[in-house]
C-alpha atoms as a PDB file:
ATOM      1  CA  MET A   1       5.783  -8.511   7.224  1.00  0.00           C
ATOM      2  CA  PRO A   2       8.861  -8.953   8.943  1.00  0.00           C
ATOM      3  CA  PRO A   3      11.933  -8.018   6.379  1.00  0.00           C
ATOM      4  CA  SER A   4      12.808 -12.015   3.981  1.00  0.00           C
ATOM      5  CA  ARG A   5      16.490 -10.494   3.894  1.00  0.00           C
ATOM      6  CA  ILE A   6      19.151  -8.100   5.747  1.00  0.00           C
ATOM      7  CA  GLY A   7      21.564  -6.969   4.359  1.00  0.00           C
ATOM      8  CA  ILE A   8      24.421  -5.839   6.312  1.00  0.00           C
ATOM      9  CA  LEU A   9      26.565  -3.311   4.367  1.00  0.00           C
ATOM     10  CA  LEU A  10      30.334  -2.538   6.360  1.00  0.00           C
ATOM     11  CA  GLY A  11      31.767   0.925   5.892  1.00  0.00           C
ATOM     12  CA  SER A  12      35.541  -0.482   6.845  1.00  0.00           C
ATOM     13  CA  GLN A  13      36.948  -3.822   4.502  1.00  0.00           C
ATOM     14  CA  ARG A  14      40.272  -3.115   6.057  1.00  0.00           C
ATOM     15  CA  PRO A  15      42.236  -6.997   7.328  1.00  0.00           C
ATOM     16  CA  GLN A  16      43.367  -5.219  10.408  1.00  0.00           C
ATOM     17  CA  GLY A  17      40.776  -3.412  12.508  1.00  0.00           C
ATOM     18  CA  ASN A  18      37.815  -3.534  14.646  1.00  0.00           C
ATOM     19  CA  ASN A  19      35.084  -4.576  11.867  1.00  0.00           C
ATOM     20  CA  VAL A  20      35.441  -8.047  12.077  1.00  0.00           C
ATOM     21  CA  GLY A  21      34.919  -8.090  15.866  1.00  0.00           C
ATOM     22  CA  LEU A  22      31.870  -5.675  15.539  1.00  0.00           C
ATOM     23  CA  LEU A  23      30.618  -8.116  12.349  1.00  0.00           C
ATOM     24  CA  THR A  24      30.555 -11.123  14.942  1.00  0.00           C
ATOM     25  CA  TRP A  25      28.962  -8.960  18.027  1.00  0.00           C
ATOM     26  CA  LEU A  26      26.429  -7.598  15.990  1.00  0.00           C
ATOM     27  CA  THR A  27      24.930 -10.907  14.179  1.00  0.00           C
ATOM     28  CA  SER A  28      25.104 -11.863  17.619  1.00  0.00           C
ATOM     29  CA  ILE A  29      22.620  -9.758  18.653  1.00  0.00           C
ATOM     30  CA  VAL A  30      20.546  -9.560  15.804  1.00  0.00           C
ATOM     31  CA  THR A  31      20.419 -13.085  14.653  1.00  0.00           C
ATOM     32  CA  PRO A  32      18.100 -14.695  17.792  1.00  0.00           C
ATOM     33  CA  LEU A  33      15.738 -11.560  17.698  1.00  0.00           C
ATOM     34  CA  LEU A  34      14.817 -12.362  13.547  1.00  0.00           C
ATOM     35  CA  PRO A  35      11.696 -14.491  12.766  1.00  0.00           C
ATOM     36  CA  SER A  36      12.948 -18.311  11.620  1.00  0.00           C
ATOM     37  CA  THR A  37      11.993 -16.883   7.753  1.00  0.00           C
ATOM     38  CA  THR A  38      14.634 -13.520   8.019  1.00  0.00           C
ATOM     39  CA  SER A  39      18.216 -14.379   7.032  1.00  0.00           C
ATOM     40  CA  LEU A  40      21.140 -11.345   7.526  1.00  0.00           C
ATOM     41  CA  THR A  41      23.726 -11.410   4.491  1.00  0.00           C
ATOM     42  CA  VAL A  42      26.526  -9.016   4.031  1.00  0.00           C
ATOM     43  CA  LEU A  43      26.578  -7.105   0.945  1.00  0.00           C
ATOM     44  CA  ASP A  44      30.432  -7.519  -1.005  1.00  0.00           C
ATOM     45  CA  TYR A  45      30.816  -3.782  -3.132  1.00  0.00           C
ATOM     46  CA  SER A  46      34.221  -4.468  -2.726  1.00  0.00           C
ATOM     47  CA  ALA A  47      34.114  -5.219  -6.924  1.00  0.00           C
ATOM     48  CA  LEU A  48      32.746  -1.786  -7.673  1.00  0.00           C
ATOM     49  CA  GLY A  49      34.414   0.837  -9.781  1.00  0.00           C
ATOM     50  CA  ARG A  50      33.976   4.582  -9.019  1.00  0.00           C
ATOM     51  CA  VAL A  51      30.489   6.458  -9.321  1.00  0.00           C
ATOM     52  CA  GLU A  52      31.139   7.744 -13.001  1.00  0.00           C
ATOM     53  CA  GLY A  53      29.679   6.087 -15.652  1.00  0.00           C
ATOM     54  CA  PRO A  54      27.342   8.355 -18.505  1.00  0.00           C
ATOM     55  CA  ILE A  55      23.942   6.840 -16.857  1.00  0.00           C
ATOM     56  CA  VAL A  56      22.534   8.910 -13.090  1.00  0.00           C
ATOM     57  CA  PRO A  57      21.580   6.428 -10.799  1.00  0.00           C
ATOM     58  CA  GLU A  58      18.274   8.448 -10.866  1.00  0.00           C
ATOM     59  CA  LEU A  59      16.607   7.661 -14.292  1.00  0.00           C
ATOM     60  CA  VAL A  60      17.191   4.059 -14.218  1.00  0.00           C
ATOM     61  CA  ALA A  61      14.721   1.599 -14.528  1.00  0.00           C
ATOM     62  CA  SER A  62      16.096  -1.600 -14.097  1.00  0.00           C
ATOM     63  CA  SER A  63      19.101  -3.585 -12.986  1.00  0.00           C
ATOM     64  CA  GLU A  64      19.824  -4.504 -17.031  1.00  0.00           C
ATOM     65  CA  ASP A  65      20.187  -0.768 -17.943  1.00  0.00           C
ATOM     66  CA  TYR A  66      22.935  -0.131 -16.150  1.00  0.00           C
ATOM     67  CA  PRO A  67      26.311  -0.068 -18.178  1.00  0.00           C
ATOM     68  CA  ASP A  68      28.383  -2.569 -16.362  1.00  0.00           C
ATOM     69  CA  GLU A  69      28.492  -5.760 -14.715  1.00  0.00           C
ATOM     70  CA  ALA A  70      29.557  -5.431 -11.618  1.00  0.00           C
ATOM     71  CA  THR A  71      26.880  -2.686 -10.617  1.00  0.00           C
ATOM     72  CA  ARG A  72      24.133  -5.018 -12.161  1.00  0.00           C
ATOM     73  CA  ARG A  73      25.230  -7.397  -9.703  1.00  0.00           C
ATOM     74  CA  TRP A  74      25.202  -4.785  -7.041  1.00  0.00           C
ATOM     75  CA  SER A  75      22.153  -3.616  -7.824  1.00  0.00           C
ATOM     76  CA  ARG A  76      20.800  -6.786  -7.649  1.00  0.00           C
ATOM     77  CA  ASP A  77      22.191  -7.828  -4.424  1.00  0.00           C
ATOM     78  CA  VAL A  78      20.230  -4.237  -2.903  1.00  0.00           C
ATOM     79  CA  ALA A  79      17.522  -4.878  -4.534  1.00  0.00           C
ATOM     80  CA  GLY A  80      17.044  -8.911  -2.895  1.00  0.00           C
ATOM     81  CA  CYS A  81      17.239  -7.227   0.292  1.00  0.00           C
ATOM     82  CA  ASP A  82      14.483  -5.730   2.620  1.00  0.00           C
ATOM     83  CA  ALA A  83      16.125  -3.945   4.840  1.00  0.00           C
ATOM     84  CA  PHE A  84      19.364  -3.318   5.479  1.00  0.00           C
ATOM     85  CA  ILE A  85      21.994  -2.223   8.686  1.00  0.00           C
ATOM     86  CA  VAL A  86      24.761   0.049   8.210  1.00  0.00           C
ATOM     87  CA  LEU A  87      28.040  -1.182  10.223  1.00  0.00           C
ATOM     88  CA  THR A  88      30.720   2.244   9.661  1.00  0.00           C
ATOM     89  CA  PRO A  89      33.756   3.413  11.931  1.00  0.00           C
ATOM     90  CA  GLN A  90      33.569   7.259  10.850  1.00  0.00           C
ATOM     91  CA  PHE A  91      36.524   8.449   8.441  1.00  0.00           C
ATOM     92  CA  ASN A  92      37.392  11.456   9.359  1.00  0.00           C
ATOM     93  CA  TRP A  93      34.682  12.619  10.830  1.00  0.00           C
ATOM     94  CA  SER A  94      32.060  11.117   7.797  1.00  0.00           C
ATOM     95  CA  VAL A  95      31.271   8.671   5.844  1.00  0.00           C
ATOM     96  CA  PRO A  96      34.050   5.721   4.595  1.00  0.00           C
ATOM     97  CA  GLY A  97      34.377   6.550   0.535  1.00  0.00           C
ATOM     98  CA  ARG A  98      34.415   3.109  -1.004  1.00  0.00           C
ATOM     99  CA  LEU A  99      30.690   3.096   1.318  1.00  0.00           C
ATOM    100  CA  LYS A 100      29.903   6.154   0.093  1.00  0.00           C
ATOM    101  CA  GLU A 101      30.597   5.196  -3.380  1.00  0.00           C
ATOM    102  CA  SER A 102      28.363   1.958  -2.909  1.00  0.00           C
ATOM    103  CA  LEU A 103      25.709   4.026  -1.811  1.00  0.00           C
ATOM    104  CA  ASP A 104      25.937   6.424  -5.273  1.00  0.00           C
ATOM    105  CA  HIS A 105      25.273   3.651  -7.363  1.00  0.00           C
ATOM    106  CA  LEU A 106      22.116   2.771  -6.881  1.00  0.00           C
ATOM    107  CA  LYS A 107      18.839   4.874  -6.317  1.00  0.00           C
ATOM    108  CA  ARG A 108      15.364   3.911  -6.729  1.00  0.00           C
ATOM    109  CA  GLU A 109      16.912  -0.198  -5.237  1.00  0.00           C
ATOM    110  CA  TRP A 110      17.393   1.668  -1.999  1.00  0.00           C
ATOM    111  CA  ALA A 111      13.569   3.293  -1.581  1.00  0.00           C
ATOM    112  CA  THR A 112      11.243   2.696   1.186  1.00  0.00           C
ATOM    113  CA  LYS A 113      13.400   0.194   2.355  1.00  0.00           C
ATOM    114  CA  PRO A 114      14.459   0.461   6.580  1.00  0.00           C
ATOM    115  CA  VAL A 115      17.787   0.886   7.757  1.00  0.00           C
ATOM    116  CA  LEU A 116      19.700   0.986  11.230  1.00  0.00           C
ATOM    117  CA  ILE A 117      22.769   2.567  11.194  1.00  0.00           C
ATOM    118  CA  VAL A 118      25.444   1.478  13.776  1.00  0.00           C
ATOM    119  CA  ALA A 119      28.342   3.110  13.929  1.00  0.00           C
ATOM    120  CA  TYR A 120      31.510   3.470  15.549  1.00  0.00           C
ATOM    121  CA  GLY A 121      34.344   6.079  16.537  1.00  0.00           C
ATOM    122  CA  GLY A 122      35.574   7.093  19.628  1.00  0.00           C
ATOM    123  CA  LYS A 123      34.105   9.015  22.871  1.00  0.00           C
ATOM    124  CA  ARG A 124      31.618  10.369  20.909  1.00  0.00           C
ATOM    125  CA  ALA A 125      30.576   7.650  19.486  1.00  0.00           C
ATOM    126  CA  GLY A 126      30.913   8.142  15.057  1.00  0.00           C
ATOM    127  CA  SER A 127      28.159  10.968  16.176  1.00  0.00           C
ATOM    128  CA  LYS A 128      29.186  12.647  12.376  1.00  0.00           C
ATOM    129  CA  VAL A 129      29.380   9.830  10.381  1.00  0.00           C
ATOM    130  CA  ARG A 130      25.448   9.034  11.789  1.00  0.00           C
ATOM    131  CA  GLU A 131      24.644  12.418  10.717  1.00  0.00           C
ATOM    132  CA  HIS A 132      25.878  11.962   7.637  1.00  0.00           C
ATOM    133  CA  LEU A 133      24.364   8.695   6.753  1.00  0.00           C
ATOM    134  CA  ASN A 134      20.820  10.347   8.492  1.00  0.00           C
ATOM    135  CA  LEU A 135      20.807  12.726   5.378  1.00  0.00           C
ATOM    136  CA  VAL A 136      22.465  10.241   3.045  1.00  0.00           C
ATOM    137  CA  LEU A 137      20.173   7.635   4.095  1.00  0.00           C
ATOM    138  CA  GLY A 138      16.620   9.476   4.972  1.00  0.00           C
ATOM    139  CA  GLY A 139      17.121  12.147   2.265  1.00  0.00           C
ATOM    140  CA  ALA A 140      18.982  11.695  -0.521  1.00  0.00           C
ATOM    141  CA  LEU A 141      18.177   7.829  -1.026  1.00  0.00           C
ATOM    142  CA  ASP A 142      15.073   8.340   1.005  1.00  0.00           C
ATOM    143  CA  MET A 143      15.356   5.528   3.442  1.00  0.00           C
ATOM    144  CA  LYS A 144      13.651   4.642   6.617  1.00  0.00           C
ATOM    145  CA  VAL A 145      15.537   5.272   9.067  1.00  0.00           C
ATOM    146  CA  VAL A 146      14.481   3.303  12.064  1.00  0.00           C
ATOM    147  CA  GLY A 147      17.033   4.261  13.996  1.00  0.00           C
ATOM    148  CA  ASP A 148      21.002   5.592  15.032  1.00  0.00           C
ATOM    149  CA  VAL A 149      23.720   3.557  17.709  1.00  0.00           C
ATOM    150  CA  GLY A 150      26.933   4.318  18.651  1.00  0.00           C
ATOM    151  CA  VAL A 151      30.056   2.412  19.405  1.00  0.00           C
ATOM    152  CA  PRO A 152      32.039   4.512  22.029  1.00  0.00           C
ATOM    153  CA  MET A 153      35.867   2.903  21.204  1.00  0.00           C
ATOM    154  CA  PRO A 154      38.967   3.262  24.022  1.00  0.00           C
ATOM    155  CA  MET A 155      41.281   4.637  21.599  1.00  0.00           C
ATOM    156  CA  GLU A 156      43.510   1.507  22.276  1.00  0.00           C
ATOM    157  CA  PHE A 157      41.458   0.013  19.738  1.00  0.00           C
ATOM    158  CA  ILE A 158      41.260   3.210  16.982  1.00  0.00           C
ATOM    159  CA  ALA A 159      44.966   3.777  17.705  1.00  0.00           C
ATOM    160  CA  GLY A 160      46.541   1.466  19.586  1.00  0.00           C
ATOM    161  CA  GLU A 161      47.441  -2.052  19.145  1.00  0.00           C
ATOM    162  CA  ARG A 162      43.986  -4.045  19.836  1.00  0.00           C
ATOM    163  CA  ARG A 163      40.886  -4.799  18.379  1.00  0.00           C
ATOM    164  CA  ILE A 164      37.781  -5.938  19.415  1.00  0.00           C
ATOM    165  CA  LYS A 165      37.704  -9.988  19.027  1.00  0.00           C
ATOM    166  CA  GLU A 166      35.089 -11.812  17.415  1.00  0.00           C
ATOM    167  CA  GLY A 167      32.092 -12.219  18.826  1.00  0.00           C
ATOM    168  CA  GLY A 168      33.315  -8.285  20.178  1.00  0.00           C
ATOM    169  CA  ARG A 169      35.461 -10.365  23.491  1.00  0.00           C
ATOM    170  CA  ASP A 170      38.552  -9.130  23.737  1.00  0.00           C
ATOM    171  CA  GLU A 171      41.964 -11.044  23.345  1.00  0.00           C
ATOM    172  CA  THR A 172      41.366 -12.367  27.152  1.00  0.00           C
ATOM    173  CA  GLY A 173      37.955 -13.547  26.004  1.00  0.00           C
ATOM    174  CA  GLU A 174      35.888 -11.123  28.356  1.00  0.00           C
ATOM    175  CA  VAL A 175      32.606  -9.080  26.810  1.00  0.00           C
ATOM    176  CA  LEU A 176      34.114  -5.479  26.041  1.00  0.00           C
ATOM    177  CA  GLU A 177      32.487  -3.000  28.651  1.00  0.00           C
ATOM    178  CA  PHE A 178      31.671  -0.381  26.483  1.00  0.00           C
ATOM    179  CA  LEU A 179      29.561  -2.755  24.193  1.00  0.00           C
ATOM    180  CA  LYS A 180      27.025  -3.237  26.489  1.00  0.00           C
ATOM    181  CA  GLU A 181      25.117  -0.099  26.590  1.00  0.00           C
ATOM    182  CA  PRO A 182      24.740  -0.314  22.768  1.00  0.00           C
ATOM    183  CA  GLU A 183      23.823  -3.764  22.677  1.00  0.00           C
ATOM    184  CA  GLU A 184      20.678  -2.467  24.342  1.00  0.00           C
ATOM    185  CA  GLU A 185      20.214   0.433  21.924  1.00  0.00           C
ATOM    186  CA  VAL A 186      20.834  -2.811  19.046  1.00  0.00           C
ATOM    187  CA  LYS A 187      18.102  -4.565  19.976  1.00  0.00           C
ATOM    188  CA  ARG A 188      15.781  -1.949  20.794  1.00  0.00           C
ATOM    189  CA  PHE A 189      15.914  -0.488  16.815  1.00  0.00           C
ATOM    190  CA  VAL A 190      16.433  -3.911  15.352  1.00  0.00           C
ATOM    191  CA  GLY A 191      12.599  -4.893  16.471  1.00  0.00           C
ATOM    192  CA  GLU A 192      11.992  -1.320  14.734  1.00  0.00           C
ATOM    193  CA  LEU A 193      13.604  -2.613  11.824  1.00  0.00           C
ATOM    194  CA  ILE A 194      11.670  -5.451  11.610  1.00  0.00           C
ATOM    195  CA  LYS A 195       8.076  -4.115  11.998  1.00  0.00           C
ATOM    196  CA  ALA A 196       9.477  -1.246   9.298  1.00  0.00           C
END
């Protein structure tokens, strides 16, 4: 049975970053592939504090057992999804801190659910963050990683002034060439995500 709700986790929430353009690029690929009964939603973990509560997430049986309302809300949001897509940059060869903490707040809510990793970075296309997320999601959180897609970005989009615009386009409205190959991989793995 296909998922009824797919949650998207953004690894970066930088207002001047590439994440907004890449999110619209990703949703423009994914949405036409979904059954009419499946919805996509971007999950917001910005209200979460640091993981420092007295309760180990692995021992929590219910969303209401978490010590604070932000974590209880996050637990309900994640539990309400049947599958996930993680869209993230690579920060210092690893997972962005806020994304990692959003994962660490919970345990049972992630277990056995399918997830697709889409990571972006330089010429190695976020290979280290993909490696780390495969370990964390597929190992520690017991999720079913259906695939990971790397998006290699030219340096002018990482360290320069250029940014990916809505729908994966450049400043002139042209589709960015470096997004064409990852698009085919995304399509293939979304099929796996729906079947998982």
